[in-house]
């Protein structure tokens, strides 16, 4: 069905969010639900101060999930990821503990 992970940086109390959902499960709210749960785990259980995610600019579905769960776009990373023989622009999204607490 999919996977979700936090890559934790203890020194900076930060975590990189990564997730993947199989295409036959798109549009059912699974990614949004998983991100909501992992945000709770990251901020409440791990004590993180910031979480961030990088997504291909062309991935509207993932961008929507991040925005719905409180992430804000911070930067455009030009040609940041290779896809086949091409390079694609990515967007950096982030949410802080303060942002997250204001959503509750």
PDB file of N, CA and C in Angstrom:
ATOM      1  N   UNK A   1       0.814  -1.193   0.000  1.00  0.00           N
ATOM      2  CA  UNK A   1       0.000   0.000   0.000  1.00  0.00           C
ATOM      3  C   UNK A   1       0.861   1.262   0.000  1.00  0.00           C
ATOM      4  N   UNK A   2       1.890   1.287   0.882  1.00  0.00           N
ATOM      5  CA  UNK A   2       2.748   2.466   0.947  1.00  0.00           C
ATOM      6  C   UNK A   2       3.670   2.408   2.138  1.00  0.00           C
ATOM      7  N   UNK A   3       4.394   3.501   2.343  1.00  0.00           N
ATOM      8  CA  UNK A   3       5.333   3.598   3.456  1.00  0.00           C
ATOM      9  C   UNK A   3       5.487   5.058   3.858  1.00  0.00           C
ATOM     10  N   UNK A   4       5.882   5.272   5.109  1.00  0.00           N
ATOM     11  CA  UNK A   4       6.155   6.623   5.599  1.00  0.00           C
ATOM     12  C   UNK A   4       7.305   6.530   6.592  1.00  0.00           C
ATOM     13  N   UNK A   5       8.161   7.550   6.621  1.00  0.00           N
ATOM     14  CA  UNK A   5       9.358   7.506   7.460  1.00  0.00           C
ATOM     15  C   UNK A   5       9.750   8.923   7.887  1.00  0.00           C
ATOM     16  N   UNK A   6      10.364   9.004   9.077  1.00  0.00           N
ATOM     17  CA  UNK A   6      11.034  10.234   9.517  1.00  0.00           C
ATOM     18  C   UNK A   6      12.514   9.910   9.621  1.00  0.00           C
ATOM     19  N   UNK A   7      13.340  10.702   8.969  1.00  0.00           N
ATOM     20  CA  UNK A   7      14.789  10.600   9.140  1.00  0.00           C
ATOM     21  C   UNK A   7      15.168  11.682  10.149  1.00  0.00           C
ATOM     22  N   UNK A   8      15.493  11.246  11.348  1.00  0.00           N
ATOM     23  CA  UNK A   8      15.678  12.163  12.469  1.00  0.00           C
ATOM     24  C   UNK A   8      17.100  12.696  12.563  1.00  0.00           C
ATOM     25  N   UNK A   9      17.206  14.007  12.808  1.00  0.00           N
ATOM     26  CA  UNK A   9      18.479  14.656  13.097  1.00  0.00           C
ATOM     27  C   UNK A   9      18.397  15.123  14.547  1.00  0.00           C
ATOM     28  N   UNK A  10      18.962  14.320  15.464  1.00  0.00           N
ATOM     29  CA  UNK A  10      18.847  14.622  16.894  1.00  0.00           C
ATOM     30  C   UNK A  10      19.530  15.923  17.283  1.00  0.00           C
ATOM     31  N   UNK A  11      20.637  16.232  16.638  1.00  0.00           N
ATOM     32  CA  UNK A  11      21.376  17.446  16.984  1.00  0.00           C
ATOM     33  C   UNK A  11      20.514  18.690  16.825  1.00  0.00           C
ATOM     34  N   UNK A  12      19.670  18.710  15.800  1.00  0.00           N
ATOM     35  CA  UNK A  12      18.863  19.893  15.498  1.00  0.00           C
ATOM     36  C   UNK A  12      17.380  19.693  15.812  1.00  0.00           C
ATOM     37  N   UNK A  13      17.025  18.584  16.457  1.00  0.00           N
ATOM     38  CA  UNK A  13      15.618  18.278  16.756  1.00  0.00           C
ATOM     39  C   UNK A  13      14.743  18.465  15.521  1.00  0.00           C
ATOM     40  N   UNK A  14      15.207  17.900  14.408  1.00  0.00           N
ATOM     41  CA  UNK A  14      14.503  18.030  13.131  1.00  0.00           C
ATOM     42  C   UNK A  14      14.325  16.656  12.501  1.00  0.00           C
ATOM     43  N   UNK A  15      13.387  16.577  11.594  1.00  0.00           N
ATOM     44  CA  UNK A  15      13.162  15.321  10.903  1.00  0.00           C
ATOM     45  C   UNK A  15      12.730  15.546   9.467  1.00  0.00           C
ATOM     46  N   UNK A  16      13.261  14.721   8.578  1.00  0.00           N
ATOM     47  CA  UNK A  16      12.843  14.752   7.173  1.00  0.00           C
ATOM     48  C   UNK A  16      11.734  13.722   6.997  1.00  0.00           C
ATOM     49  N   UNK A  17      10.624  14.159   6.453  1.00  0.00           N
ATOM     50  CA  UNK A  17       9.494  13.289   6.180  1.00  0.00           C
ATOM     51  C   UNK A  17       9.614  12.738   4.769  1.00  0.00           C
ATOM     52  N   UNK A  18       9.405  11.440   4.639  1.00  0.00           N
ATOM     53  CA  UNK A  18       9.351  10.805   3.330  1.00  0.00           C
ATOM     54  C   UNK A  18       8.200   9.824   3.298  1.00  0.00           C
ATOM     55  N   UNK A  19       7.480   9.770   2.191  1.00  0.00           N
ATOM     56  CA  UNK A  19       6.395   8.794   2.084  1.00  0.00           C
ATOM     57  C   UNK A  19       6.158   8.434   0.625  1.00  0.00           C
ATOM     58  N   UNK A  20       5.528   7.299   0.456  1.00  0.00           N
ATOM     59  CA  UNK A  20       5.164   6.803  -0.866  1.00  0.00           C
ATOM     60  C   UNK A  20       3.862   6.032  -0.715  1.00  0.00           C
ATOM     61  N   UNK A  21       2.913   6.294  -1.604  1.00  0.00           N
ATOM     62  CA  UNK A  21       1.627   5.592  -1.611  1.00  0.00           C
ATOM     63  C   UNK A  21       1.455   4.974  -3.001  1.00  0.00           C
ATOM     64  N   UNK A  22       1.108   3.693  -3.052  1.00  0.00           N
ATOM     65  CA  UNK A  22       0.869   3.019  -4.322  1.00  0.00           C
ATOM     66  C   UNK A  22      -0.267   3.689  -5.094  1.00  0.00           C
ATOM     67  N   UNK A  23      -0.121   3.785  -6.392  1.00  0.00           N
ATOM     68  CA  UNK A  23      -1.073   4.548  -7.212  1.00  0.00           C
ATOM     69  C   UNK A  23      -2.516   4.065  -7.087  1.00  0.00           C
ATOM     70  N   UNK A  24      -2.735   2.782  -6.847  1.00  0.00           N
ATOM     71  CA  UNK A  24      -4.125   2.332  -6.725  1.00  0.00           C
ATOM     72  C   UNK A  24      -4.789   2.790  -5.434  1.00  0.00           C
ATOM     73  N   UNK A  25      -4.010   3.407  -4.523  1.00  0.00           N
ATOM     74  CA  UNK A  25      -4.558   3.923  -3.268  1.00  0.00           C
ATOM     75  C   UNK A  25      -4.631   5.451  -3.235  1.00  0.00           C
ATOM     76  N   UNK A  26      -4.274   6.101  -4.341  1.00  0.00           N
ATOM     77  CA  UNK A  26      -4.322   7.557  -4.407  1.00  0.00           C
ATOM     78  C   UNK A  26      -5.763   8.056  -4.289  1.00  0.00           C
ATOM     79  N   UNK A  27      -5.903   9.259  -3.748  1.00  0.00           N
ATOM     80  CA  UNK A  27      -7.203   9.918  -3.710  1.00  0.00           C
ATOM     81  C   UNK A  27      -8.155   9.399  -2.642  1.00  0.00           C
ATOM     82  N   UNK A  28      -7.670   8.607  -1.717  1.00  0.00           N
ATOM     83  CA  UNK A  28      -8.531   8.037  -0.668  1.00  0.00           C
ATOM     84  C   UNK A  28      -8.235   8.601   0.722  1.00  0.00           C
ATOM     85  N   UNK A  29      -7.312   9.548   0.797  1.00  0.00           N
ATOM     86  CA  UNK A  29      -6.988  10.169   2.082  1.00  0.00           C
ATOM     87  C   UNK A  29      -5.958   9.431   2.906  1.00  0.00           C
ATOM     88  N   UNK A  30      -5.403   8.335   2.381  1.00  0.00           N
ATOM     89  CA  UNK A  30      -4.427   7.562   3.147  1.00  0.00           C
ATOM     90  C   UNK A  30      -3.155   8.354   3.424  1.00  0.00           C
ATOM     91  N   UNK A  31      -2.654   9.066   2.433  1.00  0.00           N
ATOM     92  CA  UNK A  31      -1.418   9.833   2.624  1.00  0.00           C
ATOM     93  C   UNK A  31      -1.628  10.940   3.650  1.00  0.00           C
ATOM     94  N   UNK A  32      -2.746  11.651   3.546  1.00  0.00           N
ATOM     95  CA  UNK A  32      -3.041  12.722   4.499  1.00  0.00           C
ATOM     96  C   UNK A  32      -3.127  12.162   5.912  1.00  0.00           C
ATOM     97  N   UNK A  33      -3.833  11.060   6.076  1.00  0.00           N
ATOM     98  CA  UNK A  33      -3.969  10.432   7.393  1.00  0.00           C
ATOM     99  C   UNK A  33      -2.612   9.994   7.938  1.00  0.00           C
ATOM    100  N   UNK A  34      -1.787   9.389   7.108  1.00  0.00           N
ATOM    101  CA  UNK A  34      -0.462   8.930   7.538  1.00  0.00           C
ATOM    102  C   UNK A  34       0.419  10.111   7.942  1.00  0.00           C
ATOM    103  N   UNK A  35       0.380  11.190   7.169  1.00  0.00           N
ATOM    104  CA  UNK A  35       1.191  12.365   7.494  1.00  0.00           C
ATOM    105  C   UNK A  35       0.704  12.978   8.809  1.00  0.00           C
ATOM    106  N   UNK A  36      -0.589  13.057   9.024  1.00  0.00           N
ATOM    107  CA  UNK A  36      -1.113  13.580  10.291  1.00  0.00           C
ATOM    108  C   UNK A  36      -0.596  12.757  11.467  1.00  0.00           C
ATOM    109  N   UNK A  37      -0.600  11.445  11.331  1.00  0.00           N
ATOM    110  CA  UNK A  37      -0.132  10.563  12.414  1.00  0.00           C
ATOM    111  C   UNK A  37       1.364  10.722  12.652  1.00  0.00           C
ATOM    112  N   UNK A  38       2.136  10.814  11.586  1.00  0.00           N
ATOM    113  CA  UNK A  38       3.590  10.925  11.736  1.00  0.00           C
ATOM    114  C   UNK A  38       3.977  12.295  12.291  1.00  0.00           C
ATOM    115  N   UNK A  39       3.190  13.335  11.986  1.00  0.00           N
ATOM    116  CA  UNK A  39       3.435  14.647  12.592  1.00  0.00           C
ATOM    117  C   UNK A  39       3.221  14.579  14.103  1.00  0.00           C
ATOM    118  N   UNK A  40       2.154  13.953  14.517  1.00  0.00           N
ATOM    119  CA  UNK A  40       1.887  13.786  15.942  1.00  0.00           C
ATOM    120  C   UNK A  40       3.029  13.021  16.610  1.00  0.00           C
ATOM    121  N   UNK A  41       3.442  11.932  16.010  1.00  0.00           N
ATOM    122  CA  UNK A  41       4.553  11.143  16.548  1.00  0.00           C
ATOM    123  C   UNK A  41       5.835  11.975  16.611  1.00  0.00           C
ATOM    124  N   UNK A  42       6.146  12.690  15.548  1.00  0.00           N
ATOM    125  CA  UNK A  42       7.385  13.472  15.503  1.00  0.00           C
ATOM    126  C   UNK A  42       7.429  14.588  16.527  1.00  0.00           C
ATOM    127  N   UNK A  43       6.342  15.338  16.626  1.00  0.00           N
ATOM    128  CA  UNK A  43       6.336  16.476  17.540  1.00  0.00           C
ATOM    129  C   UNK A  43       6.067  16.066  18.982  1.00  0.00           C
ATOM    130  N   UNK A  44       5.159  15.140  19.197  1.00  0.00           N
ATOM    131  CA  UNK A  44       4.788  14.785  20.573  1.00  0.00           C
ATOM    132  C   UNK A  44       5.685  13.708  21.169  1.00  0.00           C
ATOM    133  N   UNK A  45       5.985  12.668  20.424  1.00  0.00           N
ATOM    134  CA  UNK A  45       6.766  11.557  20.979  1.00  0.00           C
ATOM    135  C   UNK A  45       8.276  11.751  20.826  1.00  0.00           C
ATOM    136  N   UNK A  46       8.710  12.239  19.685  1.00  0.00           N
ATOM    137  CA  UNK A  46      10.146  12.434  19.468  1.00  0.00           C
ATOM    138  C   UNK A  46      10.631  13.804  19.931  1.00  0.00           C
ATOM    139  N   UNK A  47       9.719  14.742  20.153  1.00  0.00           N
ATOM    140  CA  UNK A  47      10.103  16.078  20.611  1.00  0.00           C
ATOM    141  C   UNK A  47      10.782  16.925  19.552  1.00  0.00           C
ATOM    142  N   UNK A  48      10.470  16.671  18.274  1.00  0.00           N
ATOM    143  CA  UNK A  48      11.079  17.449  17.199  1.00  0.00           C
ATOM    144  C   UNK A  48      10.601  18.903  17.242  1.00  0.00           C
ATOM    145  N   UNK A  49      11.426  19.795  16.737  1.00  0.00           N
ATOM    146  CA  UNK A  49      11.054  21.198  16.602  1.00  0.00           C
ATOM    147  C   UNK A  49      10.636  21.541  15.175  1.00  0.00           C
ATOM    148  N   UNK A  50      11.091  20.745  14.212  1.00  0.00           N
ATOM    149  CA  UNK A  50      10.838  21.053  12.800  1.00  0.00           C
ATOM    150  C   UNK A  50      10.812  19.755  12.014  1.00  0.00           C
ATOM    151  N   UNK A  51       9.907  19.708  11.044  1.00  0.00           N
ATOM    152  CA  UNK A  51       9.890  18.604  10.091  1.00  0.00           C
ATOM    153  C   UNK A  51       9.838  19.208   8.691  1.00  0.00           C
ATOM    154  N   UNK A  52      10.517  18.539   7.761  1.00  0.00           N
ATOM    155  CA  UNK A  52      10.550  19.047   6.387  1.00  0.00           C
ATOM    156  C   UNK A  52      10.402  17.908   5.404  1.00  0.00           C
ATOM    157  N   UNK A  53      10.007  18.262   4.184  1.00  0.00           N
ATOM    158  CA  UNK A  53       9.844  17.279   3.114  1.00  0.00           C
ATOM    159  C   UNK A  53      10.190  17.947   1.793  1.00  0.00           C
ATOM    160  N   UNK A  54      10.761  17.166   0.900  1.00  0.00           N
ATOM    161  CA  UNK A  54      11.066  17.638  -0.442  1.00  0.00           C
ATOM    162  C   UNK A  54      10.192  16.852  -1.415  1.00  0.00           C
ATOM    163  N   UNK A  55       9.558  17.556  -2.343  1.00  0.00           N
ATOM    164  CA  UNK A  55       8.637  16.931  -3.284  1.00  0.00           C
ATOM    165  C   UNK A  55       8.884  17.500  -4.682  1.00  0.00           C
ATOM    166  N   UNK A  56       8.742  16.634  -5.691  1.00  0.00           N
ATOM    167  CA  UNK A  56       8.878  17.119  -7.065  1.00  0.00           C
ATOM    168  C   UNK A  56       7.830  18.199  -7.325  1.00  0.00           C
ATOM    169  N   UNK A  57       8.214  19.265  -7.974  1.00  0.00           N
ATOM    170  CA  UNK A  57       7.313  20.368  -8.296  1.00  0.00           C
ATOM    171  C   UNK A  57       6.082  19.869  -9.059  1.00  0.00           C
ATOM    172  N   UNK A  58       6.257  18.856  -9.871  1.00  0.00           N
ATOM    173  CA  UNK A  58       5.154  18.332 -10.695  1.00  0.00           C
ATOM    174  C   UNK A  58       4.205  17.421  -9.923  1.00  0.00           C
ATOM    175  N   UNK A  59       4.531  17.060  -8.683  1.00  0.00           N
ATOM    176  CA  UNK A  59       3.714  16.129  -7.903  1.00  0.00           C
ATOM    177  C   UNK A  59       2.633  16.889  -7.124  1.00  0.00           C
ATOM    178  N   UNK A  60       1.566  17.239  -7.825  1.00  0.00           N
ATOM    179  CA  UNK A  60       0.488  18.042  -7.238  1.00  0.00           C
ATOM    180  C   UNK A  60      -0.165  17.313  -6.057  1.00  0.00           C
ATOM    181  N   UNK A  61      -0.355  15.995  -6.164  1.00  0.00           N
ATOM    182  CA  UNK A  61      -0.973  15.234  -5.087  1.00  0.00           C
ATOM    183  C   UNK A  61      -0.201  15.343  -3.789  1.00  0.00           C
ATOM    184  N   UNK A  62       1.105  15.174  -3.851  1.00  0.00           N
ATOM    185  CA  UNK A  62       1.940  15.248  -2.653  1.00  0.00           C
ATOM    186  C   UNK A  62       1.991  16.668  -2.104  1.00  0.00           C
ATOM    187  N   UNK A  63       2.047  17.628  -2.981  1.00  0.00           N
ATOM    188  CA  UNK A  63       2.035  19.022  -2.538  1.00  0.00           C
ATOM    189  C   UNK A  63       0.747  19.322  -1.780  1.00  0.00           C
ATOM    190  N   UNK A  64      -0.364  18.811  -2.287  1.00  0.00           N
ATOM    191  CA  UNK A  64      -1.662  19.019  -1.644  1.00  0.00           C
ATOM    192  C   UNK A  64      -1.695  18.382  -0.264  1.00  0.00           C
ATOM    193  N   UNK A  65      -1.172  17.160  -0.150  1.00  0.00           N
ATOM    194  CA  UNK A  65      -1.124  16.473   1.153  1.00  0.00           C
ATOM    195  C   UNK A  65      -0.340  17.314   2.152  1.00  0.00           C
ATOM    196  N   UNK A  66       0.826  17.790   1.762  1.00  0.00           N
ATOM    197  CA  UNK A  66       1.653  18.573   2.674  1.00  0.00           C
ATOM    198  C   UNK A  66       0.952  19.858   3.093  1.00  0.00           C
ATOM    199  N   UNK A  67       0.336  20.540   2.148  1.00  0.00           N
ATOM    200  CA  UNK A  67      -0.346  21.796   2.459  1.00  0.00           C
ATOM    201  C   UNK A  67      -1.558  21.551   3.362  1.00  0.00           C
ATOM    202  N   UNK A  68      -2.292  20.476   3.119  1.00  0.00           N
ATOM    203  CA  UNK A  68      -3.465  20.151   3.953  1.00  0.00           C
ATOM    204  C   UNK A  68      -3.071  19.831   5.393  1.00  0.00           C
ATOM    205  N   UNK A  69      -1.876  19.355   5.596  1.00  0.00           N
ATOM    206  CA  UNK A  69      -1.436  18.959   6.940  1.00  0.00           C
ATOM    207  C   UNK A  69      -0.599  20.042   7.630  1.00  0.00           C
ATOM    208  N   UNK A  70      -0.529  21.232   7.053  1.00  0.00           N
ATOM    209  CA  UNK A  70       0.102  22.364   7.721  1.00  0.00           C
ATOM    210  C   UNK A  70       1.492  22.740   7.271  1.00  0.00           C
ATOM    211  N   UNK A  71       2.076  21.977   6.354  1.00  0.00           N
ATOM    212  CA  UNK A  71       3.391  22.329   5.830  1.00  0.00           C
ATOM    213  C   UNK A  71       3.287  23.589   4.980  1.00  0.00           C
ATOM    214  N   UNK A  72       4.348  24.374   4.980  1.00  0.00           N
ATOM    215  CA  UNK A  72       4.420  25.569   4.134  1.00  0.00           C
ATOM    216  C   UNK A  72       5.597  25.442   3.181  1.00  0.00           C
ATOM    217  N   UNK A  73       5.392  25.908   1.962  1.00  0.00           N
ATOM    218  CA  UNK A  73       6.463  25.899   0.964  1.00  0.00           C
ATOM    219  C   UNK A  73       7.513  26.918   1.363  1.00  0.00           C
ATOM    220  N   UNK A  74       8.779  26.485   1.373  1.00  0.00           N
ATOM    221  CA  UNK A  74       9.880  27.366   1.759  1.00  0.00           C
ATOM    222  C   UNK A  74      10.833  27.700   0.623  1.00  0.00           C
ATOM    223  N   UNK A  75      11.027  26.765  -0.313  1.00  0.00           N
ATOM    224  CA  UNK A  75      12.058  27.009  -1.327  1.00  0.00           C
ATOM    225  C   UNK A  75      11.830  26.157  -2.573  1.00  0.00           C
ATOM    226  N   UNK A  76      12.309  26.673  -3.686  1.00  0.00           N
ATOM    227  CA  UNK A  76      12.389  25.932  -4.939  1.00  0.00           C
ATOM    228  C   UNK A  76      13.822  25.458  -5.094  1.00  0.00           C
ATOM    229  N   UNK A  77      14.003  24.154  -5.272  1.00  0.00           N
ATOM    230  CA  UNK A  77      15.325  23.571  -5.468  1.00  0.00           C
ATOM    231  C   UNK A  77      15.426  23.142  -6.932  1.00  0.00           C
ATOM    232  N   UNK A  78      16.124  23.926  -7.704  1.00  0.00           N
ATOM    233  CA  UNK A  78      16.172  23.703  -9.143  1.00  0.00           C
ATOM    234  C   UNK A  78      16.967  22.448  -9.492  1.00  0.00           C
ATOM    235  N   UNK A  79      16.373  21.638 -10.349  1.00  0.00           N
ATOM    236  CA  UNK A  79      16.986  20.407 -10.858  1.00  0.00           C
ATOM    237  C   UNK A  79      17.577  19.554  -9.727  1.00  0.00           C
ATOM    238  N   UNK A  80      16.808  19.378  -8.662  1.00  0.00           N
ATOM    239  CA  UNK A  80      17.299  18.711  -7.456  1.00  0.00           C
ATOM    240  C   UNK A  80      17.260  17.191  -7.525  1.00  0.00           C
ATOM    241  N   UNK A  81      16.406  16.635  -8.365  1.00  0.00           N
ATOM    242  CA  UNK A  81      16.292  15.173  -8.441  1.00  0.00           C
ATOM    243  C   UNK A  81      16.312  14.705  -9.885  1.00  0.00           C
ATOM    244  N   UNK A  82      16.970  13.576 -10.062  1.00  0.00           N
ATOM    245  CA  UNK A  82      17.018  12.954 -11.388  1.00  0.00           C
ATOM    246  C   UNK A  82      15.808  12.040 -11.549  1.00  0.00           C
ATOM    247  N   UNK A  83      15.203  12.097 -12.699  1.00  0.00           N
ATOM    248  CA  UNK A  83      14.112  11.179 -13.057  1.00  0.00           C
ATOM    249  C   UNK A  83      14.442  10.680 -14.459  1.00  0.00           C
ATOM    250  N   UNK A  84      14.950   9.454 -14.503  1.00  0.00           N
ATOM    251  CA  UNK A  84      15.443   8.950 -15.781  1.00  0.00           C
ATOM    252  C   UNK A  84      16.672   9.735 -16.180  1.00  0.00           C
ATOM    253  N   UNK A  85      16.659  10.277 -17.380  1.00  0.00           N
ATOM    254  CA  UNK A  85      17.802  11.070 -17.844  1.00  0.00           C
ATOM    255  C   UNK A  85      17.583  12.567 -17.642  1.00  0.00           C
ATOM    256  N   UNK A  86      16.451  12.940 -17.056  1.00  0.00           N
ATOM    257  CA  UNK A  86      16.135  14.356 -16.830  1.00  0.00           C
ATOM    258  C   UNK A  86      16.281  14.713 -15.357  1.00  0.00           C
ATOM    259  N   UNK A  87      16.418  15.998 -15.105  1.00  0.00           N
ATOM    260  CA  UNK A  87      16.424  16.518 -13.740  1.00  0.00           C
ATOM    261  C   UNK A  87      15.157  17.329 -13.535  1.00  0.00           C
ATOM    262  N   UNK A  88      14.584  17.196 -12.333  1.00  0.00           N
ATOM    263  CA  UNK A  88      13.343  17.901 -12.027  1.00  0.00           C
ATOM    264  C   UNK A  88      13.532  18.863 -10.863  1.00  0.00           C
ATOM    265  N   UNK A  89      12.788  19.956 -10.925  1.00  0.00           N
ATOM    266  CA  UNK A  89      12.766  20.894  -9.815  1.00  0.00           C
ATOM    267  C   UNK A  89      11.973  20.280  -8.664  1.00  0.00           C
ATOM    268  N   UNK A  90      12.378  20.623  -7.451  1.00  0.00           N
ATOM    269  CA  UNK A  90      11.663  20.168  -6.258  1.00  0.00           C
ATOM    270  C   UNK A  90      11.308  21.371  -5.398  1.00  0.00           C
ATOM    271  N   UNK A  91      10.338  21.167  -4.541  1.00  0.00           N
ATOM    272  CA  UNK A  91       9.945  22.181  -3.580  1.00  0.00           C
ATOM    273  C   UNK A  91      10.247  21.666  -2.177  1.00  0.00           C
ATOM    274  N   UNK A  92      10.734  22.542  -1.333  1.00  0.00           N
ATOM    275  CA  UNK A  92      10.996  22.219   0.052  1.00  0.00           C
ATOM    276  C   UNK A  92       9.837  22.759   0.885  1.00  0.00           C
ATOM    277  N   UNK A  93       9.218  21.880   1.638  1.00  0.00           N
ATOM    278  CA  UNK A  93       8.129  22.236   2.541  1.00  0.00           C
ATOM    279  C   UNK A  93       8.586  21.974   3.972  1.00  0.00           C
ATOM    280  N   UNK A  94       8.060  22.756   4.928  1.00  0.00           N
ATOM    281  CA  UNK A  94       8.412  22.534   6.333  1.00  0.00           C
ATOM    282  C   UNK A  94       7.264  22.945   7.242  1.00  0.00           C
ATOM    283  N   UNK A  95       7.310  22.390   8.446  1.00  0.00           N
ATOM    284  CA  UNK A  95       6.381  22.759   9.512  1.00  0.00           C
ATOM    285  C   UNK A  95       7.179  22.735  10.811  1.00  0.00           C
ATOM    286  N   UNK A  96       6.936  23.720  11.667  1.00  0.00           N
ATOM    287  CA  UNK A  96       7.606  23.774  12.962  1.00  0.00           C
ATOM    288  C   UNK A  96       6.634  23.313  14.053  1.00  0.00           C
ATOM    289  N   UNK A  97       7.190  23.051  15.207  1.00  0.00           N
ATOM    290  CA  UNK A  97       6.359  22.672  16.359  1.00  0.00           C
ATOM    291  C   UNK A  97       5.304  23.764  16.622  1.00  0.00           C
ATOM    292  N   UNK A  98       5.717  25.019  16.558  1.00  0.00           N
ATOM    293  CA  UNK A  98       4.780  26.131  16.783  1.00  0.00           C
ATOM    294  C   UNK A  98       3.659  26.124  15.758  1.00  0.00           C
ATOM    295  N   UNK A  99       4.009  25.902  14.480  1.00  0.00           N
ATOM    296  CA  UNK A  99       2.981  25.797  13.426  1.00  0.00           C
ATOM    297  C   UNK A  99       2.008  24.670  13.749  1.00  0.00           C
ATOM    298  N   UNK A 100       2.561  23.527  14.108  1.00  0.00           N
ATOM    299  CA  UNK A 100       1.756  22.340  14.390  1.00  0.00           C
ATOM    300  C   UNK A 100       0.811  22.578  15.569  1.00  0.00           C
ATOM    301  N   UNK A 101       1.327  23.195  16.633  1.00  0.00           N
ATOM    302  CA  UNK A 101       0.490  23.451  17.818  1.00  0.00           C
ATOM    303  C   UNK A 101      -0.641  24.408  17.509  1.00  0.00           C
ATOM    304  N   UNK A 102      -0.424  25.336  16.583  1.00  0.00           N
ATOM    305  CA  UNK A 102      -1.492  26.289  16.237  1.00  0.00           C
ATOM    306  C   UNK A 102      -2.605  25.597  15.427  1.00  0.00           C
ATOM    307  N   UNK A 103      -2.335  24.428  14.843  1.00  0.00           N
ATOM    308  CA  UNK A 103      -3.340  23.682  14.085  1.00  0.00           C
ATOM    309  C   UNK A 103      -4.258  22.874  14.992  1.00  0.00           C
ATOM    310  N   UNK A 104      -3.784  22.543  16.192  1.00  0.00           N
ATOM    311  CA  UNK A 104      -4.554  21.669  17.094  1.00  0.00           C
ATOM    312  C   UNK A 104      -5.781  22.337  17.645  1.00  0.00           C
TER     313      UNK A 104
END
